[in-house]
Amino acid sequence: MKRTALAFMLLFVMALLNGCAYSMYDDQRLMGTMSSDKKISTKIKTALLNESFTGGWEIAVYCFYGHVFLVGEVPSNMQEKARTIAQRYNPRSITTHWFSKAKSDTANLVLLTKLRSKLIGTGGVSSTRIETEVNAGRVVLLGVVHDEHEKQLVIEAARKVEGVASVTSYLMLPQKAGQIDDFQQERVSGTKPGANASASGQPGEGGVIESHDLP
């Protein structure tokens, strides 16, 4: 019985984490765009692995409409190398979000599971379109949402999860062919005043909302 219960628990956690993967039926991008984005992210991830970005270092690679996002915790002397590797594949832009070392009372996997559960239970949010990265209480949101309303719902839901110290949003709105990019990065304070989030190696300040155009 214990083995059966454990198996069901593992399946439940896996199902929540798999919510990070995109559902082709719910993604706002066209199939051709999704395929192109997947090829770019896969090539960059493979190149990073071939360059020994392993051994405790972890870089998650995402791509939406040709815009690449590198999220993870690596030594400062390796960060520019990671960006250079990604640049080989000619993305429209590269955004890096490097976590500085930090401690948290809540383990990453536990907090990630709670976050996924919160998004799944939030009305008006399609959790299958939201990618999430968690590091010592700091949450990064990525993906393509339906509209501005859904984006704000996702951000607010993440902020309300117990154990979340800060939330950084890289959520994008759907883009049409030939559309001028209007993607904006937002750093949104979480539940703990004074908590820091690191984007592109620069620390953020708790309680501050920042917004600027993607390079």
Protein backbone atom coordinates (compact mmCIF):
# COMPACT_ATOMS: atom_id res chain seq x y z
CA MET A 1 0.00 0.00 0.00
CA LYS A 2 2.82 2.39 0.88
CA ARG A 3 4.48 1.77 -2.48
CA THR A 4 1.20 2.39 -4.28
CA ALA A 5 0.61 5.63 -2.38
CA LEU A 6 4.16 6.78 -3.12
CA ALA A 7 3.72 5.99 -6.80
CA PHE A 8 0.52 8.05 -6.98
CA MET A 9 2.23 10.94 -5.17
CA LEU A 10 5.14 10.91 -7.63
CA LEU A 11 2.74 10.84 -10.57
CA PHE A 12 0.87 13.81 -9.09
CA VAL A 13 4.06 15.85 -8.68
CA MET A 14 5.19 14.93 -12.20
CA ALA A 15 1.82 16.01 -13.58
CA LEU A 16 2.17 19.38 -11.89
CA LEU A 17 5.70 19.87 -13.14
CA ASN A 18 4.73 18.80 -16.62
CA GLY A 19 2.42 21.79 -16.58
CA CYS A 20 5.61 23.71 -17.40
CA ALA A 21 5.56 22.06 -20.81
CA TYR A 22 3.52 23.74 -23.48
CA SER A 23 0.30 22.23 -24.74
CA MET A 24 0.22 22.54 -28.51
CA TYR A 25 -3.54 22.92 -28.37
CA ASP A 26 -3.41 25.90 -26.00
CA ASP A 27 -0.31 27.75 -27.11
CA GLN A 28 -0.95 31.15 -28.68
CA ARG A 29 1.87 30.70 -31.20
CA LEU A 30 1.46 29.16 -34.65
CA MET A 31 2.80 25.63 -35.09
CA GLY A 32 5.63 26.86 -37.32
CA THR A 33 6.69 29.40 -34.69
CA MET A 34 6.54 26.81 -31.92
CA SER A 35 8.67 24.42 -33.95
CA SER A 36 11.23 27.11 -34.74
CA ASP A 37 11.40 28.22 -31.09
CA LYS A 38 11.86 24.63 -29.93
CA LYS A 39 14.72 24.05 -32.38
CA ILE A 40 16.53 27.17 -31.19
CA SER A 41 16.17 26.35 -27.49
CA THR A 42 17.21 22.72 -28.03
CA LYS A 43 20.32 23.70 -30.02
CA ILE A 44 21.38 26.20 -27.37
CA LYS A 45 20.78 23.77 -24.51
CA THR A 46 22.78 21.08 -26.31
CA ALA A 47 25.62 23.51 -26.98
CA LEU A 48 25.69 24.55 -23.31
CA LEU A 49 25.88 20.92 -22.21
CA ASN A 50 28.72 20.30 -24.67
CA GLU A 51 30.57 23.24 -23.14
CA SER A 52 30.41 21.64 -19.67
CA PHE A 53 27.65 23.79 -18.21
CA THR A 54 26.93 20.98 -15.77
CA GLY A 55 28.22 19.82 -12.40
CA GLY A 56 25.80 21.74 -10.21
CA TRP A 57 25.31 24.61 -12.67
CA GLU A 58 21.94 24.75 -14.28
CA ILE A 59 20.74 26.92 -17.12
CA ALA A 60 17.18 26.65 -18.38
CA VAL A 61 16.74 27.76 -21.99
CA TYR A 62 13.47 29.12 -23.36
CA CYS A 63 12.55 30.66 -26.69
CA PHE A 64 9.38 32.52 -27.68
CA TYR A 65 9.02 34.19 -31.09
CA GLY A 66 12.77 33.91 -31.52
CA HIS A 67 13.51 35.66 -28.22
CA VAL A 68 15.81 33.53 -26.06
CA PHE A 69 15.83 33.49 -22.25
CA LEU A 70 18.64 31.98 -20.18
CA VAL A 71 17.69 31.41 -16.54
CA GLY A 72 19.88 29.84 -13.91
CA GLU A 73 22.70 29.99 -11.43
CA VAL A 74 26.22 29.87 -12.82
CA PRO A 75 29.53 31.49 -11.78
CA SER A 76 29.89 35.09 -12.92
CA ASN A 77 32.89 34.22 -15.07
CA MET A 78 30.73 31.78 -17.07
CA GLN A 79 27.73 34.02 -17.67
CA GLU A 80 29.07 35.88 -20.68
CA LYS A 81 30.21 32.57 -22.18
CA ALA A 82 26.65 31.25 -21.94
CA ARG A 83 25.34 34.33 -23.74
CA THR A 84 28.01 33.98 -26.45
CA ILE A 85 27.00 30.36 -27.04
CA ALA A 86 23.34 31.34 -27.36
CA GLN A 87 24.24 34.11 -29.80
CA ARG A 88 25.62 31.54 -32.26
CA TYR A 89 22.05 30.59 -33.17
CA ASN A 90 21.02 34.13 -34.16
CA PRO A 91 18.05 34.69 -31.81
CA ARG A 92 16.13 37.94 -32.14
CA SER A 93 17.27 38.81 -28.63
CA ILE A 94 18.83 37.22 -25.54
CA THR A 95 17.62 37.93 -22.02
CA THR A 96 19.61 36.50 -19.11
CA HIS A 97 18.35 36.03 -15.58
CA TRP A 98 21.17 34.91 -13.31
CA PHE A 99 20.32 33.96 -9.74
CA SER A 100 22.77 34.99 -7.05
CA LYS A 101 23.37 32.46 -4.28
CA ALA A 102 20.66 32.60 -1.62
CA LYS A 103 19.00 30.41 0.98
CA SER A 104 15.33 29.73 1.53
CA ASP A 105 13.27 27.96 4.17
CA THR A 106 11.31 26.26 1.38
CA ALA A 107 13.00 23.73 -0.93
CA ASN A 108 12.82 24.57 -4.64
CA LEU A 109 10.85 21.44 -5.59
CA VAL A 110 8.32 21.98 -2.81
CA LEU A 111 7.82 25.62 -3.76
CA LEU A 112 7.59 24.75 -7.46
CA THR A 113 4.87 22.21 -6.71
CA LYS A 114 2.93 24.75 -4.65
CA LEU A 115 3.32 27.32 -7.41
CA ARG A 116 2.07 24.93 -10.10
CA SER A 117 -0.90 24.00 -7.91
CA LYS A 118 -1.75 27.68 -7.43
CA LEU A 119 -1.63 28.39 -11.17
CA ILE A 120 -3.74 25.33 -11.98
CA GLY A 121 -6.34 26.45 -9.45
CA THR A 122 -6.48 30.07 -10.65
CA GLY A 123 -9.49 30.81 -12.82
CA GLY A 124 -8.76 32.48 -16.14
CA VAL A 125 -5.22 31.09 -16.28
CA SER A 126 -4.06 28.34 -18.61
CA SER A 127 -1.19 26.89 -16.58
CA THR A 128 0.03 24.76 -19.51
CA ARG A 129 1.28 27.94 -21.19
CA ILE A 130 3.30 29.16 -18.21
CA GLU A 131 6.91 28.17 -17.64
CA THR A 132 8.22 28.58 -14.10
CA GLU A 133 11.72 28.65 -12.61
CA VAL A 134 12.28 28.70 -8.85
CA ASN A 135 15.47 29.44 -6.93
CA ALA A 136 15.55 30.03 -3.17
CA GLY A 137 12.11 31.58 -3.04
CA ARG A 138 12.63 33.63 -6.19
CA VAL A 139 10.20 32.89 -9.01
CA VAL A 140 10.63 33.57 -12.72
CA LEU A 141 7.60 33.39 -15.02
CA LEU A 142 7.95 32.89 -18.77
CA GLY A 143 5.64 32.09 -21.65
CA VAL A 144 2.97 33.50 -23.93
CA VAL A 145 -0.29 34.49 -22.26
CA HIS A 146 -3.59 35.26 -23.96
CA ASP A 147 -3.81 38.90 -22.91
CA GLU A 148 -2.79 41.50 -20.33
CA HIS A 149 -5.52 40.35 -17.93
CA GLU A 150 -4.21 36.79 -17.85
CA LYS A 151 -0.66 38.05 -17.37
CA GLN A 152 -1.66 39.99 -14.28
CA LEU A 153 -3.61 37.01 -12.92
CA VAL A 154 -0.51 34.82 -13.24
CA ILE A 155 1.74 37.37 -11.52
CA GLU A 156 -0.69 37.92 -8.65
CA ALA A 157 -1.20 34.17 -8.19
CA ALA A 158 2.56 33.61 -7.95
CA ARG A 159 2.98 36.42 -5.43
CA LYS A 160 0.41 34.84 -3.12
CA VAL A 161 2.18 31.47 -2.84
CA GLU A 162 3.62 30.92 0.62
CA GLY A 163 7.41 30.90 0.50
CA VAL A 164 7.73 33.12 -2.58
CA ALA A 165 10.17 35.96 -1.92
CA SER A 166 10.06 37.68 -5.32
CA VAL A 167 8.47 37.30 -8.74
CA THR A 168 10.01 38.30 -12.06
CA SER A 169 7.77 38.20 -15.11
CA TYR A 170 8.95 37.64 -18.67
CA LEU A 171 5.43 36.81 -19.83
CA MET A 172 4.69 37.83 -23.42
CA LEU A 173 1.53 38.64 -25.31
CA PRO A 174 0.80 36.89 -28.63
CA GLN A 175 2.63 38.38 -31.61
CA LYS A 176 1.60 38.49 -35.25
CA ALA A 177 3.86 38.23 -38.26
CA GLY A 178 5.55 41.56 -38.90
CA GLN A 179 4.46 42.96 -35.55
CA ILE A 180 6.90 45.30 -33.85
CA ASP A 181 7.94 43.69 -30.57
CA ASP A 182 6.39 45.29 -27.54
CA PHE A 183 7.63 42.72 -25.05
CA GLN A 184 8.44 44.17 -21.67
CA GLN A 185 10.27 42.73 -18.69
CA GLU A 186 8.70 43.30 -15.31
CA ARG A 187 10.16 42.63 -11.91
CA VAL A 188 7.41 42.39 -9.35
CA SER A 189 7.92 42.22 -5.61
CA GLY A 190 6.81 39.04 -3.88
CA THR A 191 5.55 38.27 -0.39
CA LYS A 192 8.69 39.15 1.54
CA PRO A 193 9.60 42.87 1.63
CA GLY A 194 13.23 43.52 0.77
CA ALA A 195 13.70 40.24 -1.13
CA ASN A 196 15.96 40.44 -4.15
CA ALA A 197 15.57 39.04 -7.64
CA SER A 198 18.53 38.96 -10.00
CA ALA A 199 18.06 39.68 -13.71
CA SER A 200 21.07 39.78 -16.03
CA GLY A 201 23.25 39.65 -12.96
CA GLN A 202 21.75 42.83 -11.48
CA PRO A 203 19.94 42.66 -8.12
CA GLY A 204 16.42 44.00 -7.91
CA GLU A 205 14.87 45.72 -4.92
CA GLY A 206 11.85 44.36 -3.07
CA GLY A 207 8.73 46.47 -3.44
CA VAL A 208 9.83 47.93 -6.76
CA ILE A 209 8.13 47.28 -10.09
CA GLU A 210 10.43 47.77 -13.04
CA SER A 211 9.48 47.76 -16.71
CA HIS A 212 11.63 48.34 -19.76
CA ASP A 213 11.77 47.31 -23.38
CA LEU A 214 13.60 44.15 -24.38
CA PRO A 215 16.94 44.98 -26.05
